[in-house]
Every structure is written in C-alpha cells, then in structure tokens.
Amino acid sequence: MSIFLPYVLEYNQEINGERIGELLLYLAGEDIYAATPKEQRAAKAIQYIRAMRDELYQRCKLPRTLTETGKVREDQLRQVAELTVNDGAIIFNPKEASVEDALAVLKRAWI
C-alpha cells in the first residue's frame, strides 16, 4: 500500500481533492493545515505521505517503488493493469479507471 498510495491519491485528486486535503491536518498538524491554502492542501498531504514513505525506507528498507520490491518486472505492468480494472475492488475507487489509467499509475510506482 505504501508504494501505491501517493500515486492513487494523485490520480483521484481531481475528484477527491478536498477529502485528500483534509489528511493534511492529521499529517502535518493544525498550523501547517491552517497556513496552507485550501486548493494546495491535497498536494501537500501527498507530499507528507511521500516523506513518510521515504522515512520508512530509510529506517527499515520498506520498498518505495515496484522496482525496489524486486517482485515485478516492468514488462508485467500491462497485465497487472488489466487485472486491476477487472478486480471487483476497483468499484470503490472514487474515479473510474481504464487499463491505461491503471498502467499510468503503475508506471509512476515503478520508478
């Protein structure tokens, strides 16, 4: 989950930006939340999540990318994207996703 979370939040930001922005209060505290313009809160919350992910990597080598897992090859990403959009859990995502959308998220998580 830590690998995909920032990229999926970015993908959903257009539809769920206000809700994602509310995470900033809990991630950064009241002062930073209040000082951040409402339209910038989602991006800043995602930035904090990335920083937490990087800290976990530094402390315990929890992978940050698909590459770092050593479990997925780049040539498998399309197949994973197809499986993703055909999985029933996708209905809970706030924004509809095509195979190309899922592939774009996977490619961002690959690097």
N, C-alpha and C. Protein backbone atom coordinates (compact mmCIF):
# COMPACT_ATOMS: atom_id res chain seq x y z
N MET A 1 0.82 -1.19 0.00
CA MET A 1 0.00 0.00 0.00
C MET A 1 0.86 1.26 0.00
N SER A 2 1.96 1.25 0.75
CA SER A 2 2.79 2.46 0.80
C SER A 2 3.37 2.80 -0.56
N ILE A 3 3.50 1.80 -1.42
CA ILE A 3 4.03 2.06 -2.76
C ILE A 3 3.01 2.84 -3.58
N PHE A 4 1.77 2.42 -3.57
CA PHE A 4 0.77 2.99 -4.46
C PHE A 4 0.04 4.22 -3.92
N LEU A 5 -0.01 4.38 -2.61
CA LEU A 5 -0.84 5.41 -2.02
C LEU A 5 -0.63 6.81 -2.61
N PRO A 6 0.58 7.33 -2.71
CA PRO A 6 0.69 8.69 -3.24
C PRO A 6 0.22 8.81 -4.69
N TYR A 7 0.45 7.78 -5.49
CA TYR A 7 0.08 7.84 -6.91
C TYR A 7 -1.43 7.70 -7.10
N VAL A 8 -2.05 6.87 -6.30
CA VAL A 8 -3.50 6.72 -6.39
C VAL A 8 -4.19 7.98 -5.87
N LEU A 9 -3.66 8.57 -4.82
CA LEU A 9 -4.23 9.83 -4.34
C LEU A 9 -4.10 10.91 -5.40
N GLU A 10 -2.97 10.99 -6.08
CA GLU A 10 -2.81 11.96 -7.16
C GLU A 10 -3.83 11.70 -8.27
N TYR A 11 -4.02 10.42 -8.62
CA TYR A 11 -4.99 10.07 -9.66
C TYR A 11 -6.40 10.52 -9.26
N ASN A 12 -6.74 10.38 -8.00
CA ASN A 12 -8.08 10.72 -7.52
C ASN A 12 -8.23 12.17 -7.08
N GLN A 13 -7.17 12.93 -7.11
CA GLN A 13 -7.18 14.29 -6.58
C GLN A 13 -8.21 15.17 -7.28
N GLU A 14 -8.41 14.98 -8.55
CA GLU A 14 -9.38 15.80 -9.31
C GLU A 14 -10.79 15.66 -8.73
N ILE A 15 -11.14 14.47 -8.31
CA ILE A 15 -12.48 14.21 -7.79
C ILE A 15 -12.53 14.32 -6.27
N ASN A 16 -11.49 13.90 -5.61
CA ASN A 16 -11.47 13.78 -4.15
C ASN A 16 -10.49 14.74 -3.48
N GLY A 17 -10.11 15.79 -4.17
CA GLY A 17 -9.08 16.69 -3.66
C GLY A 17 -9.37 17.27 -2.30
N GLU A 18 -10.61 17.65 -2.06
CA GLU A 18 -10.94 18.25 -0.77
C GLU A 18 -10.78 17.24 0.36
N ARG A 19 -11.22 16.02 0.15
CA ARG A 19 -11.08 14.98 1.17
C ARG A 19 -9.61 14.62 1.40
N ILE A 20 -8.85 14.55 0.31
CA ILE A 20 -7.41 14.27 0.44
C ILE A 20 -6.74 15.41 1.19
N GLY A 21 -7.15 16.63 0.91
CA GLY A 21 -6.59 17.80 1.59
C GLY A 21 -6.83 17.78 3.08
N GLU A 22 -7.92 17.18 3.52
CA GLU A 22 -8.20 17.09 4.95
C GLU A 22 -7.18 16.23 5.69
N LEU A 23 -6.54 15.32 4.97
CA LEU A 23 -5.50 14.49 5.59
C LEU A 23 -4.34 15.34 6.10
N LEU A 24 -4.14 16.50 5.48
CA LEU A 24 -3.03 17.36 5.88
C LEU A 24 -3.11 17.74 7.35
N LEU A 25 -4.31 17.94 7.86
CA LEU A 25 -4.48 18.29 9.27
C LEU A 25 -3.85 17.24 10.17
N TYR A 26 -4.05 15.97 9.84
CA TYR A 26 -3.56 14.88 10.67
C TYR A 26 -2.10 14.53 10.38
N LEU A 27 -1.66 14.83 9.19
CA LEU A 27 -0.28 14.52 8.82
C LEU A 27 0.70 15.61 9.26
N ALA A 28 0.27 16.87 9.17
CA ALA A 28 1.20 17.98 9.40
C ALA A 28 0.85 18.84 10.61
N GLY A 29 -0.35 18.70 11.10
CA GLY A 29 -0.76 19.49 12.26
C GLY A 29 -1.56 20.73 11.89
N GLU A 30 -2.14 21.32 12.92
CA GLU A 30 -3.06 22.46 12.73
C GLU A 30 -2.40 23.67 12.09
N ASP A 31 -1.17 23.98 12.49
CA ASP A 31 -0.52 25.20 12.00
C ASP A 31 -0.28 25.13 10.49
N ILE A 32 0.29 24.03 10.03
CA ILE A 32 0.57 23.90 8.60
C ILE A 32 -0.74 23.80 7.82
N TYR A 33 -1.70 23.07 8.35
CA TYR A 33 -3.01 22.95 7.69
C TYR A 33 -3.63 24.34 7.51
N ALA A 34 -3.66 25.13 8.57
CA ALA A 34 -4.27 26.46 8.51
C ALA A 34 -3.50 27.41 7.59
N ALA A 35 -2.19 27.24 7.52
CA ALA A 35 -1.36 28.13 6.70
C ALA A 35 -1.37 27.75 5.22
N THR A 36 -1.89 26.57 4.90
CA THR A 36 -1.89 26.10 3.52
C THR A 36 -3.21 26.44 2.85
N PRO A 37 -3.17 27.14 1.72
CA PRO A 37 -4.41 27.45 1.00
C PRO A 37 -5.18 26.16 0.67
N LYS A 38 -6.48 26.24 0.76
CA LYS A 38 -7.34 25.06 0.58
C LYS A 38 -7.03 24.30 -0.70
N GLU A 39 -6.78 25.00 -1.78
CA GLU A 39 -6.54 24.35 -3.07
C GLU A 39 -5.18 23.66 -3.14
N GLN A 40 -4.31 23.90 -2.17
CA GLN A 40 -2.98 23.29 -2.15
C GLN A 40 -2.85 22.17 -1.11
N ARG A 41 -3.89 21.98 -0.31
CA ARG A 41 -3.80 21.01 0.79
C ARG A 41 -3.64 19.57 0.32
N ALA A 42 -4.34 19.19 -0.72
CA ALA A 42 -4.24 17.80 -1.20
C ALA A 42 -2.82 17.49 -1.64
N ALA A 43 -2.24 18.37 -2.44
CA ALA A 43 -0.88 18.15 -2.92
C ALA A 43 0.10 18.10 -1.75
N LYS A 44 -0.10 18.96 -0.77
CA LYS A 44 0.80 18.98 0.38
C LYS A 44 0.63 17.72 1.22
N ALA A 45 -0.59 17.22 1.36
CA ALA A 45 -0.83 15.97 2.10
C ALA A 45 -0.10 14.82 1.41
N ILE A 46 -0.19 14.78 0.10
CA ILE A 46 0.50 13.73 -0.67
C ILE A 46 2.02 13.86 -0.48
N GLN A 47 2.50 15.08 -0.43
CA GLN A 47 3.93 15.32 -0.19
C GLN A 47 4.34 14.76 1.17
N TYR A 48 3.51 14.95 2.18
CA TYR A 48 3.81 14.41 3.51
C TYR A 48 3.78 12.88 3.50
N ILE A 49 2.86 12.30 2.77
CA ILE A 49 2.80 10.83 2.67
C ILE A 49 4.07 10.30 2.01
N ARG A 50 4.53 10.97 0.97
CA ARG A 50 5.79 10.57 0.33
C ARG A 50 6.96 10.66 1.31
N ALA A 51 6.98 11.71 2.10
CA ALA A 51 8.06 11.87 3.08
C ALA A 51 8.02 10.75 4.12
N MET A 52 6.82 10.38 4.54
CA MET A 52 6.69 9.27 5.49
C MET A 52 7.16 7.96 4.85
N ARG A 53 6.81 7.77 3.60
CA ARG A 53 7.24 6.56 2.88
C ARG A 53 8.76 6.52 2.79
N ASP A 54 9.37 7.66 2.49
CA ASP A 54 10.83 7.73 2.40
C ASP A 54 11.48 7.47 3.76
N GLU A 55 10.87 7.96 4.81
CA GLU A 55 11.39 7.72 6.16
C GLU A 55 11.33 6.23 6.50
N LEU A 56 10.24 5.58 6.13
CA LEU A 56 10.13 4.13 6.36
C LEU A 56 11.20 3.38 5.58
N TYR A 57 11.49 3.85 4.40
CA TYR A 57 12.55 3.21 3.61
C TYR A 57 13.90 3.37 4.32
N GLN A 58 14.17 4.56 4.81
CA GLN A 58 15.44 4.80 5.49
C GLN A 58 15.57 3.96 6.76
N ARG A 59 14.48 3.80 7.48
CA ARG A 59 14.53 3.09 8.75
C ARG A 59 14.52 1.58 8.61
N CYS A 60 13.72 1.07 7.67
CA CYS A 60 13.57 -0.40 7.63
C CYS A 60 13.55 -0.96 6.21
N LYS A 61 13.90 -0.14 5.23
CA LYS A 61 14.00 -0.58 3.84
C LYS A 61 12.67 -1.08 3.26
N LEU A 62 11.55 -0.55 3.78
CA LEU A 62 10.25 -0.85 3.18
C LEU A 62 10.26 -0.24 1.78
N PRO A 63 10.04 -1.05 0.75
CA PRO A 63 10.16 -0.55 -0.63
C PRO A 63 9.26 0.65 -0.91
N ARG A 64 9.81 1.59 -1.69
CA ARG A 64 9.07 2.79 -2.10
C ARG A 64 8.52 2.66 -3.50
N THR A 65 9.10 1.76 -4.28
CA THR A 65 8.71 1.61 -5.68
C THR A 65 8.55 0.13 -6.00
N LEU A 66 7.89 -0.15 -7.09
CA LEU A 66 7.78 -1.54 -7.54
C LEU A 66 9.16 -2.11 -7.86
N THR A 67 10.02 -1.29 -8.40
CA THR A 67 11.38 -1.72 -8.71
C THR A 67 12.09 -2.21 -7.45
N GLU A 68 11.94 -1.47 -6.38
CA GLU A 68 12.62 -1.83 -5.13
C GLU A 68 12.08 -3.13 -4.52
N THR A 69 10.89 -3.55 -4.88
CA THR A 69 10.37 -4.81 -4.34
C THR A 69 11.10 -6.00 -4.93
N GLY A 70 11.55 -5.87 -6.18
CA GLY A 70 12.18 -6.99 -6.86
C GLY A 70 11.19 -8.09 -7.21
N LYS A 71 9.91 -7.82 -7.12
CA LYS A 71 8.87 -8.83 -7.33
C LYS A 71 8.14 -8.68 -8.66
N VAL A 72 8.26 -7.53 -9.29
CA VAL A 72 7.51 -7.24 -10.52
C VAL A 72 8.48 -6.76 -11.58
N ARG A 73 8.32 -7.29 -12.77
CA ARG A 73 9.11 -6.81 -13.91
C ARG A 73 8.31 -5.75 -14.66
N GLU A 74 9.01 -4.86 -15.27
CA GLU A 74 8.34 -3.78 -16.00
C GLU A 74 7.44 -4.32 -17.11
N ASP A 75 7.85 -5.41 -17.74
CA ASP A 75 7.03 -5.96 -18.82
C ASP A 75 5.74 -6.62 -18.32
N GLN A 76 5.56 -6.69 -17.00
CA GLN A 76 4.34 -7.24 -16.42
C GLN A 76 3.30 -6.17 -16.07
N LEU A 77 3.67 -4.91 -16.19
CA LEU A 77 2.79 -3.84 -15.73
C LEU A 77 1.45 -3.81 -16.47
N ARG A 78 1.45 -4.04 -17.77
CA ARG A 78 0.18 -4.03 -18.51
C ARG A 78 -0.74 -5.14 -18.00
N GLN A 79 -0.20 -6.30 -17.77
CA GLN A 79 -1.01 -7.41 -17.25
C GLN A 79 -1.58 -7.05 -15.88
N VAL A 80 -0.77 -6.45 -15.03
CA VAL A 80 -1.24 -6.03 -13.71
C VAL A 80 -2.35 -4.98 -13.86
N ALA A 81 -2.19 -4.05 -14.79
CA ALA A 81 -3.21 -3.02 -15.03
C ALA A 81 -4.53 -3.66 -15.47
N GLU A 82 -4.45 -4.64 -16.35
CA GLU A 82 -5.66 -5.33 -16.80
C GLU A 82 -6.34 -6.07 -15.66
N LEU A 83 -5.55 -6.72 -14.84
CA LEU A 83 -6.11 -7.41 -13.67
C LEU A 83 -6.74 -6.41 -12.70
N THR A 84 -6.12 -5.26 -12.57
CA THR A 84 -6.61 -4.23 -11.66
C THR A 84 -8.00 -3.75 -12.05
N VAL A 85 -8.20 -3.42 -13.31
CA VAL A 85 -9.50 -2.88 -13.72
C VAL A 85 -10.58 -3.96 -13.76
N ASN A 86 -10.18 -5.21 -13.77
CA ASN A 86 -11.15 -6.31 -13.74
C ASN A 86 -11.38 -6.86 -12.34
N ASP A 87 -10.74 -6.28 -11.34
CA ASP A 87 -10.92 -6.69 -9.96
C ASP A 87 -12.13 -5.95 -9.39
N GLY A 88 -12.97 -6.63 -8.67
CA GLY A 88 -14.18 -6.03 -8.11
C GLY A 88 -13.91 -4.88 -7.16
N ALA A 89 -12.75 -4.87 -6.53
CA ALA A 89 -12.44 -3.80 -5.58
C ALA A 89 -12.32 -2.44 -6.24
N ILE A 90 -12.13 -2.41 -7.55
CA ILE A 90 -11.97 -1.13 -8.26
C ILE A 90 -13.23 -0.26 -8.16
N ILE A 91 -14.38 -0.89 -7.89
CA ILE A 91 -15.62 -0.11 -7.80
C ILE A 91 -15.60 0.86 -6.61
N PHE A 92 -14.71 0.63 -5.66
CA PHE A 92 -14.63 1.52 -4.50
C PHE A 92 -13.74 2.74 -4.76
N ASN A 93 -13.04 2.75 -5.87
CA ASN A 93 -12.23 3.91 -6.20
C ASN A 93 -13.17 5.04 -6.63
N PRO A 94 -12.97 6.25 -6.15
CA PRO A 94 -13.89 7.34 -6.47
C PRO A 94 -13.89 7.78 -7.94
N LYS A 95 -12.84 7.45 -8.66
CA LYS A 95 -12.73 7.85 -10.05
C LYS A 95 -12.60 6.59 -10.90
N GLU A 96 -13.40 6.51 -11.95
CA GLU A 96 -13.33 5.35 -12.83
C GLU A 96 -11.94 5.27 -13.47
N ALA A 97 -11.46 4.04 -13.63
CA ALA A 97 -10.11 3.85 -14.18
C ALA A 97 -10.14 2.87 -15.35
N SER A 98 -9.48 3.26 -16.41
CA SER A 98 -9.31 2.38 -17.57
C SER A 98 -7.99 1.62 -17.39
N VAL A 99 -7.74 0.69 -18.29
CA VAL A 99 -6.46 -0.02 -18.27
C VAL A 99 -5.32 0.98 -18.42
N GLU A 100 -5.48 1.95 -19.29
CA GLU A 100 -4.43 2.95 -19.50
C GLU A 100 -4.20 3.80 -18.25
N ASP A 101 -5.28 4.13 -17.55
CA ASP A 101 -5.15 4.89 -16.30
C ASP A 101 -4.37 4.08 -15.27
N ALA A 102 -4.76 2.81 -15.12
CA ALA A 102 -4.09 1.94 -14.15
C ALA A 102 -2.62 1.75 -14.53
N LEU A 103 -2.37 1.61 -15.82
CA LEU A 103 -0.99 1.45 -16.29
C LEU A 103 -0.16 2.69 -15.98
N ALA A 104 -0.76 3.86 -16.13
CA ALA A 104 -0.04 5.10 -15.82
C ALA A 104 0.33 5.16 -14.34
N VAL A 105 -0.58 4.75 -13.46
CA VAL A 105 -0.29 4.72 -12.03
C VAL A 105 0.83 3.72 -11.75
N LEU A 106 0.75 2.56 -12.36
CA LEU A 106 1.79 1.53 -12.16
C LEU A 106 3.15 2.01 -12.64
N LYS A 107 3.18 2.69 -13.76
CA LYS A 107 4.46 3.21 -14.29
C LYS A 107 5.06 4.23 -13.34
N ARG A 108 4.21 5.06 -12.74
CA ARG A 108 4.73 6.04 -11.78
C ARG A 108 5.28 5.33 -10.54
N ALA A 109 4.62 4.24 -10.16
CA ALA A 109 5.06 3.48 -9.00
C ALA A 109 6.28 2.61 -9.32
N TRP A 110 6.55 2.40 -10.58
CA TRP A 110 7.68 1.57 -10.99
C TRP A 110 9.01 2.25 -10.71
N ILE A 111 9.08 3.52 -11.02
CA ILE A 111 10.34 4.27 -10.99
C ILE A 111 10.92 4.36 -9.59
